Amino acid sequence: MPVAPAEVTATFTVSPPIDDHQPRHVKAAVDEAHASGLAMEAGPDSTTLAGGRAEVIATLSKVIDIAIRAGATTIEVNIEVATEST
């Protein structure tokens, strides 16, 4: 059964990384993203969320806030919006 494409896909990277383990600011951000219930893929360097525009944006706001409170100094975000042709 085909799955409809997500309205919005957002990929974020939380820095600074710490060699050989996941620092608390990265773990906090990924845990918050996971708790959202959105479609999610977490890799070693970035995490991608997919879903409706409002849900993705609200989750990103929470992810950014918790990551900063946990010690992140840089958060890079890339947002892709689906169009009729995608």
PDB file of N, CA and C in Angstrom:
ATOM      1  N   MET A   1       0.836  -1.164   0.000  1.00  0.00           N
ATOM      2  CA  MET A   1       0.000   0.000   0.000  1.00  0.00           C
ATOM      3  C   MET A   1       0.892   1.241   0.000  1.00  0.00           C
ATOM      4  N   PRO A   2       0.756   2.127  -0.976  1.00  0.00           N
ATOM      5  CA  PRO A   2       1.607   3.319  -1.030  1.00  0.00           C
ATOM      6  C   PRO A   2       1.317   4.267   0.128  1.00  0.00           C
ATOM      7  N   VAL A   3       2.361   4.940   0.566  1.00  0.00           N
ATOM      8  CA  VAL A   3       2.240   5.909   1.652  1.00  0.00           C
ATOM      9  C   VAL A   3       2.345   7.303   1.058  1.00  0.00           C
ATOM     10  N   ALA A   4       1.454   8.192   1.459  1.00  0.00           N
ATOM     11  CA  ALA A   4       1.498   9.572   0.966  1.00  0.00           C
ATOM     12  C   ALA A   4       2.755  10.256   1.483  1.00  0.00           C
ATOM     13  N   PRO A   5       3.366  11.120   0.663  1.00  0.00           N
ATOM     14  CA  PRO A   5       4.559  11.822   1.136  1.00  0.00           C
ATOM     15  C   PRO A   5       4.210  12.774   2.278  1.00  0.00           C
ATOM     16  N   ALA A   6       5.174  12.996   3.141  1.00  0.00           N
ATOM     17  CA  ALA A   6       4.971  13.922   4.255  1.00  0.00           C
ATOM     18  C   ALA A   6       4.841  15.339   3.728  1.00  0.00           C
ATOM     19  N   GLU A   7       4.025  16.132   4.398  1.00  0.00           N
ATOM     20  CA  GLU A   7       3.867  17.535   4.028  1.00  0.00           C
ATOM     21  C   GLU A   7       5.175  18.292   4.242  1.00  0.00           C
ATOM     22  N   VAL A   8       5.860  17.985   5.348  1.00  0.00           N
ATOM     23  CA  VAL A   8       7.123  18.638   5.680  1.00  0.00           C
ATOM     24  C   VAL A   8       8.100  17.590   6.200  1.00  0.00           C
ATOM     25  N   THR A   9       9.348  17.698   5.766  1.00  0.00           N
ATOM     26  CA  THR A   9      10.430  16.876   6.290  1.00  0.00           C
ATOM     27  C   THR A   9      11.477  17.824   6.851  1.00  0.00           C
ATOM     28  N   ALA A  10      11.900  17.586   8.077  1.00  0.00           N
ATOM     29  CA  ALA A  10      12.907  18.439   8.710  1.00  0.00           C
ATOM     30  C   ALA A  10      14.042  17.571   9.229  1.00  0.00           C
ATOM     31  N   THR A  11      15.254  17.962   8.900  1.00  0.00           N
ATOM     32  CA  THR A  11      16.438  17.270   9.390  1.00  0.00           C
ATOM     33  C   THR A  11      17.202  18.229  10.287  1.00  0.00           C
ATOM     34  N   PHE A  12      17.603  17.741  11.458  1.00  0.00           N
ATOM     35  CA  PHE A  12      18.372  18.603  12.351  1.00  0.00           C
ATOM     36  C   PHE A  12      19.622  17.897  12.854  1.00  0.00           C
ATOM     37  N   THR A  13      20.639  18.710  13.111  1.00  0.00           N
ATOM     38  CA  THR A  13      21.900  18.251  13.679  1.00  0.00           C
ATOM     39  C   THR A  13      22.201  19.129  14.887  1.00  0.00           C
ATOM     40  N   VAL A  14      22.520  18.495  16.002  1.00  0.00           N
ATOM     41  CA  VAL A  14      22.814  19.216  17.236  1.00  0.00           C
ATOM     42  C   VAL A  14      24.308  19.090  17.514  1.00  0.00           C
ATOM     43  N   SER A  15      24.957  20.214  17.833  1.00  0.00           N
ATOM     44  CA  SER A  15      26.397  20.225  18.082  1.00  0.00           C
ATOM     45  C   SER A  15      26.686  20.916  19.409  1.00  0.00           C
ATOM     46  N   PRO A  16      27.847  20.750  19.985  1.00  0.00           N
ATOM     47  CA  PRO A  16      28.985  20.043  19.431  1.00  0.00           C
ATOM     48  C   PRO A  16      28.904  18.551  19.720  1.00  0.00           C
ATOM     49  N   PRO A  17      29.416  17.743  18.786  1.00  0.00           N
ATOM     50  CA  PRO A  17      29.502  16.308  19.055  1.00  0.00           C
ATOM     51  C   PRO A  17      30.633  16.046  20.053  1.00  0.00           C
ATOM     52  N   ILE A  18      30.563  14.939  20.723  1.00  0.00           N
ATOM     53  CA  ILE A  18      31.634  14.517  21.623  1.00  0.00           C
ATOM     54  C   ILE A  18      32.056  13.132  21.168  1.00  0.00           C
ATOM     55  N   ASP A  19      33.353  12.950  20.976  1.00  0.00           N
ATOM     56  CA  ASP A  19      33.888  11.695  20.442  1.00  0.00           C
ATOM     57  C   ASP A  19      33.377  10.471  21.197  1.00  0.00           C
ATOM     58  N   ASP A  20      33.004   9.459  20.426  1.00  0.00           N
ATOM     59  CA  ASP A  20      32.695   8.114  20.908  1.00  0.00           C
ATOM     60  C   ASP A  20      31.456   7.959  21.791  1.00  0.00           C
ATOM     61  N   HIS A  21      30.676   9.000  21.996  1.00  0.00           N
ATOM     62  CA  HIS A  21      29.411   8.800  22.703  1.00  0.00           C
ATOM     63  C   HIS A  21      28.447   9.933  22.370  1.00  0.00           C
ATOM     64  N   GLN A  22      27.201   9.676  22.663  1.00  0.00           N
ATOM     65  CA  GLN A  22      26.159  10.666  22.378  1.00  0.00           C
ATOM     66  C   GLN A  22      26.049  11.605  23.582  1.00  0.00           C
ATOM     67  N   PRO A  23      26.404  12.887  23.397  1.00  0.00           N
ATOM     68  CA  PRO A  23      26.323  13.819  24.518  1.00  0.00           C
ATOM     69  C   PRO A  23      24.876  14.072  24.938  1.00  0.00           C
ATOM     70  N   ARG A  24      24.710  14.570  26.147  1.00  0.00           N
ATOM     71  CA  ARG A  24      23.355  14.738  26.693  1.00  0.00           C
ATOM     72  C   ARG A  24      22.499  15.686  25.868  1.00  0.00           C
ATOM     73  N   HIS A  25      23.093  16.718  25.247  1.00  0.00           N
ATOM     74  CA  HIS A  25      22.284  17.648  24.454  1.00  0.00           C
ATOM     75  C   HIS A  25      21.764  16.990  23.178  1.00  0.00           C
ATOM     76  N   VAL A  26      22.541  16.068  22.610  1.00  0.00           N
ATOM     77  CA  VAL A  26      22.075  15.328  21.432  1.00  0.00           C
ATOM     78  C   VAL A  26      21.000  14.333  21.852  1.00  0.00           C
ATOM     79  N   LYS A  27      21.262  13.591  22.932  1.00  0.00           N
ATOM     80  CA  LYS A  27      20.280  12.611  23.416  1.00  0.00           C
ATOM     81  C   LYS A  27      18.961  13.294  23.771  1.00  0.00           C
ATOM     82  N   ALA A  28      19.028  14.443  24.429  1.00  0.00           N
ATOM     83  CA  ALA A  28      17.808  15.164  24.809  1.00  0.00           C
ATOM     84  C   ALA A  28      16.999  15.557  23.579  1.00  0.00           C
ATOM     85  N   ALA A  29      17.679  16.033  22.537  1.00  0.00           N
ATOM     86  CA  ALA A  29      16.990  16.437  21.308  1.00  0.00           C
ATOM     87  C   ALA A  29      16.345  15.239  20.620  1.00  0.00           C
ATOM     88  N   VAL A  30      17.083  14.142  20.508  1.00  0.00           N
ATOM     89  CA  VAL A  30      16.551  12.945  19.849  1.00  0.00           C
ATOM     90  C   VAL A  30      15.399  12.354  20.661  1.00  0.00           C
ATOM     91  N   ASP A  31      15.526  12.333  21.974  1.00  0.00           N
ATOM     92  CA  ASP A  31      14.442  11.822  22.820  1.00  0.00           C
ATOM     93  C   ASP A  31      13.168  12.654  22.649  1.00  0.00           C
ATOM     94  N   GLU A  32      13.311  13.973  22.580  1.00  0.00           N
ATOM     95  CA  GLU A  32      12.151  14.854  22.390  1.00  0.00           C
ATOM     96  C   GLU A  32      11.511  14.602  21.029  1.00  0.00           C
ATOM     97  N   ALA A  33      12.342  14.428  20.002  1.00  0.00           N
ATOM     98  CA  ALA A  33      11.819  14.139  18.662  1.00  0.00           C
ATOM     99  C   ALA A  33      11.070  12.808  18.662  1.00  0.00           C
ATOM    100  N   HIS A  34      11.644  11.809  19.301  1.00  0.00           N
ATOM    101  CA  HIS A  34      11.008  10.487  19.367  1.00  0.00           C
ATOM    102  C   HIS A  34       9.667  10.558  20.101  1.00  0.00           C
ATOM    103  N   ALA A  35       9.603  11.335  21.161  1.00  0.00           N
ATOM    104  CA  ALA A  35       8.368  11.454  21.946  1.00  0.00           C
ATOM    105  C   ALA A  35       7.235  12.105  21.157  1.00  0.00           C
ATOM    106  N   SER A  36       7.563  12.787  20.073  1.00  0.00           N
ATOM    107  CA  SER A  36       6.540  13.486  19.285  1.00  0.00           C
ATOM    108  C   SER A  36       5.584  12.535  18.582  1.00  0.00           C
ATOM    109  N   GLY A  37       6.038  11.311  18.310  1.00  0.00           N
ATOM    110  CA  GLY A  37       5.214  10.366  17.576  1.00  0.00           C
ATOM    111  C   GLY A  37       5.257  10.559  16.069  1.00  0.00           C
ATOM    112  N   LEU A  38       6.010  11.555  15.596  1.00  0.00           N
ATOM    113  CA  LEU A  38       6.155  11.759  14.149  1.00  0.00           C
ATOM    114  C   LEU A  38       7.025  10.660  13.558  1.00  0.00           C
ATOM    115  N   ALA A  39       6.912  10.460  12.250  1.00  0.00           N
ATOM    116  CA  ALA A  39       7.830   9.553  11.574  1.00  0.00           C
ATOM    117  C   ALA A  39       9.228  10.116  11.778  1.00  0.00           C
ATOM    118  N   MET A  40      10.178   9.254  12.133  1.00  0.00           N
ATOM    119  CA  MET A  40      11.498   9.738  12.503  1.00  0.00           C
ATOM    120  C   MET A  40      12.569   8.755  12.090  1.00  0.00           C
ATOM    121  N   GLU A  41      13.702   9.289  11.687  1.00  0.00           N
ATOM    122  CA  GLU A  41      14.877   8.469  11.410  1.00  0.00           C
ATOM    123  C   GLU A  41      16.060   9.157  12.066  1.00  0.00           C
ATOM    124  N   ALA A  42      16.713   8.459  12.985  1.00  0.00           N
ATOM    125  CA  ALA A  42      17.867   9.026  13.680  1.00  0.00           C
ATOM    126  C   ALA A  42      19.122   8.310  13.215  1.00  0.00           C
ATOM    127  N   GLY A  43      20.077   9.085  12.744  1.00  0.00           N
ATOM    128  CA  GLY A  43      21.359   8.545  12.324  1.00  0.00           C
ATOM    129  C   GLY A  43      22.455   9.043  13.245  1.00  0.00           C
ATOM    130  N   PRO A  44      23.697   8.709  12.933  1.00  0.00           N
ATOM    131  CA  PRO A  44      24.794   9.112  13.811  1.00  0.00           C
ATOM    132  C   PRO A  44      25.031  10.624  13.842  1.00  0.00           C
ATOM    133  N   ASP A  45      24.684  11.321  12.775  1.00  0.00           N
ATOM    134  CA  ASP A  45      24.973  12.754  12.704  1.00  0.00           C
ATOM    135  C   ASP A  45      23.739  13.640  12.656  1.00  0.00           C
ATOM    136  N   SER A  46      22.596  13.087  12.297  1.00  0.00           N
ATOM    137  CA  SER A  46      21.406  13.923  12.162  1.00  0.00           C
ATOM    138  C   SER A  46      20.149  13.101  12.412  1.00  0.00           C
ATOM    139  N   THR A  47      19.061  13.823  12.615  1.00  0.00           N
ATOM    140  CA  THR A  47      17.761  13.203  12.840  1.00  0.00           C
ATOM    141  C   THR A  47      16.765  13.846  11.894  1.00  0.00           C
ATOM    142  N   THR A  48      15.907  13.029  11.284  1.00  0.00           N
ATOM    143  CA  THR A  48      14.908  13.529  10.347  1.00  0.00           C
ATOM    144  C   THR A  48      13.513  13.236  10.886  1.00  0.00           C
ATOM    145  N   LEU A  49      12.662  14.251  10.832  1.00  0.00           N
ATOM    146  CA  LEU A  49      11.255  14.130  11.209  1.00  0.00           C
ATOM    147  C   LEU A  49      10.400  14.352   9.976  1.00  0.00           C
ATOM    148  N   ALA A  50       9.263  13.693   9.896  1.00  0.00           N
ATOM    149  CA  ALA A  50       8.358  13.893   8.767  1.00  0.00           C
ATOM    150  C   ALA A  50       6.928  13.873   9.268  1.00  0.00           C
ATOM    151  N   GLY A  51       6.108  14.748   8.676  1.00  0.00           N
ATOM    152  CA  GLY A  51       4.705  14.795   9.060  1.00  0.00           C
ATOM    153  C   GLY A  51       4.050  16.071   8.596  1.00  0.00           C
ATOM    154  N   GLY A  52       2.968  16.418   9.247  1.00  0.00           N
ATOM    155  CA  GLY A  52       2.253  17.644   8.927  1.00  0.00           C
ATOM    156  C   GLY A  52       3.051  18.874   9.334  1.00  0.00           C
ATOM    157  N   ARG A  53       2.817  19.961   8.623  1.00  0.00           N
ATOM    158  CA  ARG A  53       3.585  21.189   8.851  1.00  0.00           C
ATOM    159  C   ARG A  53       3.528  21.648  10.306  1.00  0.00           C
ATOM    160  N   ALA A  54       2.352  21.786  10.862  1.00  0.00           N
ATOM    161  CA  ALA A  54       2.218  22.293  12.232  1.00  0.00           C
ATOM    162  C   ALA A  54       2.902  21.377  13.243  1.00  0.00           C
ATOM    163  N   GLU A  55       2.742  20.073  13.064  1.00  0.00           N
ATOM    164  CA  GLU A  55       3.336  19.116  13.998  1.00  0.00           C
ATOM    165  C   GLU A  55       4.861  19.139  13.934  1.00  0.00           C
ATOM    166  N   VAL A  56       5.408  19.184  12.729  1.00  0.00           N
ATOM    167  CA  VAL A  56       6.867  19.197  12.577  1.00  0.00           C
ATOM    168  C   VAL A  56       7.446  20.484  13.161  1.00  0.00           C
ATOM    169  N   ILE A  57       6.834  21.616  12.862  1.00  0.00           N
ATOM    170  CA  ILE A  57       7.336  22.896  13.371  1.00  0.00           C
ATOM    171  C   ILE A  57       7.238  22.953  14.899  1.00  0.00           C
ATOM    172  N   ALA A  58       6.141  22.489  15.462  1.00  0.00           N
ATOM    173  CA  ALA A  58       5.990  22.481  16.924  1.00  0.00           C
ATOM    174  C   ALA A  58       7.036  21.579  17.573  1.00  0.00           C
ATOM    175  N   THR A  59       7.273  20.423  16.973  1.00  0.00           N
ATOM    176  CA  THR A  59       8.274  19.507  17.516  1.00  0.00           C
ATOM    177  C   THR A  59       9.667  20.103  17.408  1.00  0.00           C
ATOM    178  N   LEU A  60       9.990  20.719  16.276  1.00  0.00           N
ATOM    179  CA  LEU A  60      11.302  21.358  16.125  1.00  0.00           C
ATOM    180  C   LEU A  60      11.520  22.425  17.187  1.00  0.00           C
ATOM    181  N   SER A  61      10.505  23.196  17.478  1.00  0.00           N
ATOM    182  CA  SER A  61      10.619  24.225  18.511  1.00  0.00           C
ATOM    183  C   SER A  61      10.986  23.598  19.857  1.00  0.00           C
ATOM    184  N   LYS A  62      10.330  22.506  20.197  1.00  0.00           N
ATOM    185  CA  LYS A  62      10.630  21.808  21.451  1.00  0.00           C
ATOM    186  C   LYS A  62      12.032  21.208  21.430  1.00  0.00           C
ATOM    187  N   VAL A  63      12.405  20.594  20.301  1.00  0.00           N
ATOM    188  CA  VAL A  63      13.725  19.980  20.156  1.00  0.00           C
ATOM    189  C   VAL A  63      14.819  21.033  20.335  1.00  0.00           C
ATOM    190  N   ILE A  64      14.663  22.169  19.680  1.00  0.00           N
ATOM    191  CA  ILE A  64      15.661  23.236  19.770  1.00  0.00           C
ATOM    192  C   ILE A  64      15.771  23.738  21.204  1.00  0.00           C
ATOM    193  N   ASP A  65      14.649  23.974  21.852  1.00  0.00           N
ATOM    194  CA  ASP A  65      14.659  24.473  23.225  1.00  0.00           C
ATOM    195  C   ASP A  65      15.355  23.502  24.166  1.00  0.00           C
ATOM    196  N   ILE A  66      14.995  22.233  24.105  1.00  0.00           N
ATOM    197  CA  ILE A  66      15.581  21.257  25.030  1.00  0.00           C
ATOM    198  C   ILE A  66      17.066  21.040  24.741  1.00  0.00           C
ATOM    199  N   ALA A  67      17.457  21.078  23.475  1.00  0.00           N
ATOM    200  CA  ALA A  67      18.872  20.904  23.128  1.00  0.00           C
ATOM    201  C   ALA A  67      19.711  22.055  23.678  1.00  0.00           C
ATOM    202  N   ILE A  68      19.222  23.277  23.544  1.00  0.00           N
ATOM    203  CA  ILE A  68      19.949  24.439  24.069  1.00  0.00           C
ATOM    204  C   ILE A  68      20.047  24.357  25.596  1.00  0.00           C
ATOM    205  N   ARG A  69      18.938  24.007  26.238  1.00  0.00           N
ATOM    206  CA  ARG A  69      18.961  23.889  27.703  1.00  0.00           C
ATOM    207  C   ARG A  69      19.908  22.790  28.171  1.00  0.00           C
ATOM    208  N   ALA A  70      20.140  21.780  27.319  1.00  0.00           N
ATOM    209  CA  ALA A  70      21.027  20.672  27.680  1.00  0.00           C
ATOM    210  C   ALA A  70      22.484  20.928  27.283  1.00  0.00           C
ATOM    211  N   GLY A  71      22.769  22.084  26.652  1.00  0.00           N
ATOM    212  CA  GLY A  71      24.161  22.425  26.366  1.00  0.00           C
ATOM    213  C   GLY A  71      24.563  22.539  24.916  1.00  0.00           C
ATOM    214  N   ALA A  72      23.631  22.398  23.986  1.00  0.00           N
ATOM    215  CA  ALA A  72      23.985  22.537  22.567  1.00  0.00           C
ATOM    216  C   ALA A  72      24.418  23.970  22.281  1.00  0.00           C
ATOM    217  N   THR A  73      25.425  24.110  21.427  1.00  0.00           N
ATOM    218  CA  THR A  73      25.865  25.445  21.022  1.00  0.00           C
ATOM    219  C   THR A  73      25.516  25.749  19.576  1.00  0.00           C
ATOM    220  N   THR A  74      25.217  24.721  18.802  1.00  0.00           N
ATOM    221  CA  THR A  74      24.822  24.897  17.404  1.00  0.00           C
ATOM    222  C   THR A  74      23.753  23.872  17.063  1.00  0.00           C
ATOM    223  N   ILE A  75      22.699  24.323  16.382  1.00  0.00           N
ATOM    224  CA  ILE A  75      21.661  23.421  15.881  1.00  0.00           C
ATOM    225  C   ILE A  75      21.398  23.820  14.437  1.00  0.00           C
ATOM    226  N   GLU A  76      21.648  22.895  13.536  1.00  0.00           N
ATOM    227  CA  GLU A  76      21.400  23.144  12.119  1.00  0.00           C
ATOM    228  C   GLU A  76      20.107  22.449  11.731  1.00  0.00           C
ATOM    229  N   VAL A  77      19.246  23.168  11.007  1.00  0.00           N
ATOM    230  CA  VAL A  77      17.950  22.622  10.604  1.00  0.00           C
ATOM    231  C   VAL A  77      17.767  22.823   9.111  1.00  0.00           C
ATOM    232  N   ASN A  78      17.316  21.787   8.439  1.00  0.00           N
ATOM    233  CA  ASN A  78      16.956  21.868   7.025  1.00  0.00           C
ATOM    234  C   ASN A  78      15.505  21.409   6.907  1.00  0.00           C
ATOM    235  N   ILE A  79      14.662  22.255   6.317  1.00  0.00           N
ATOM    236  CA  ILE A  79      13.243  21.927   6.167  1.00  0.00           C
ATOM    237  C   ILE A  79      12.904  21.833   4.691  1.00  0.00           C
ATOM    238  N   GLU A  80      12.260  20.744   4.311  1.00  0.00           N
ATOM    239  CA  GLU A  80      11.793  20.556   2.941  1.00  0.00           C
ATOM    240  C   GLU A  80      10.278  20.458   2.963  1.00  0.00           C
ATOM    241  N   VAL A  81       9.652  21.239   2.108  1.00  0.00           N
ATOM    242  CA  VAL A  81       8.193  21.267   2.023  1.00  0.00           C
ATOM    243  C   VAL A  81       7.776  20.565   0.740  1.00  0.00           C
ATOM    244  N   ALA A  82       6.885  19.589   0.865  1.00  0.00           N
ATOM    245  CA  ALA A  82       6.407  18.856  -0.310  1.00  0.00           C
ATOM    246  C   ALA A  82       5.590  19.784  -1.199  1.00  0.00           C
ATOM    247  N   THR A  83       5.714  19.567  -2.481  1.00  0.00           N
ATOM    248  CA  THR A  83       4.909  20.310  -3.446  1.00  0.00           C
ATOM    249  C   THR A  83       4.057  19.321  -4.215  1.00  0.00           C
ATOM    250  N   GLU A  84       3.163  19.818  -5.006  1.00  0.00           N
ATOM    251  CA  GLU A  84       2.269  18.950  -5.784  1.00  0.00           C
ATOM    252  C   GLU A  84       3.048  17.986  -6.677  1.00  0.00           C
ATOM    253  N   SER A  85       4.227  18.401  -7.144  1.00  0.00           N
ATOM    254  CA  SER A  85       4.983  17.566  -8.076  1.00  0.00           C
ATOM    255  C   SER A  85       5.860  16.545  -7.381  1.00  0.00           C
ATOM    256  N   THR A  86       5.975  16.583  -6.009  1.00  0.00           N
ATOM    257  CA  THR A  86       6.818  15.611  -5.318  1.00  0.00           C
ATOM    258  C   THR A  86       6.021  14.481  -4.763  1.00  0.00           C
TER     259      THR A  86
END
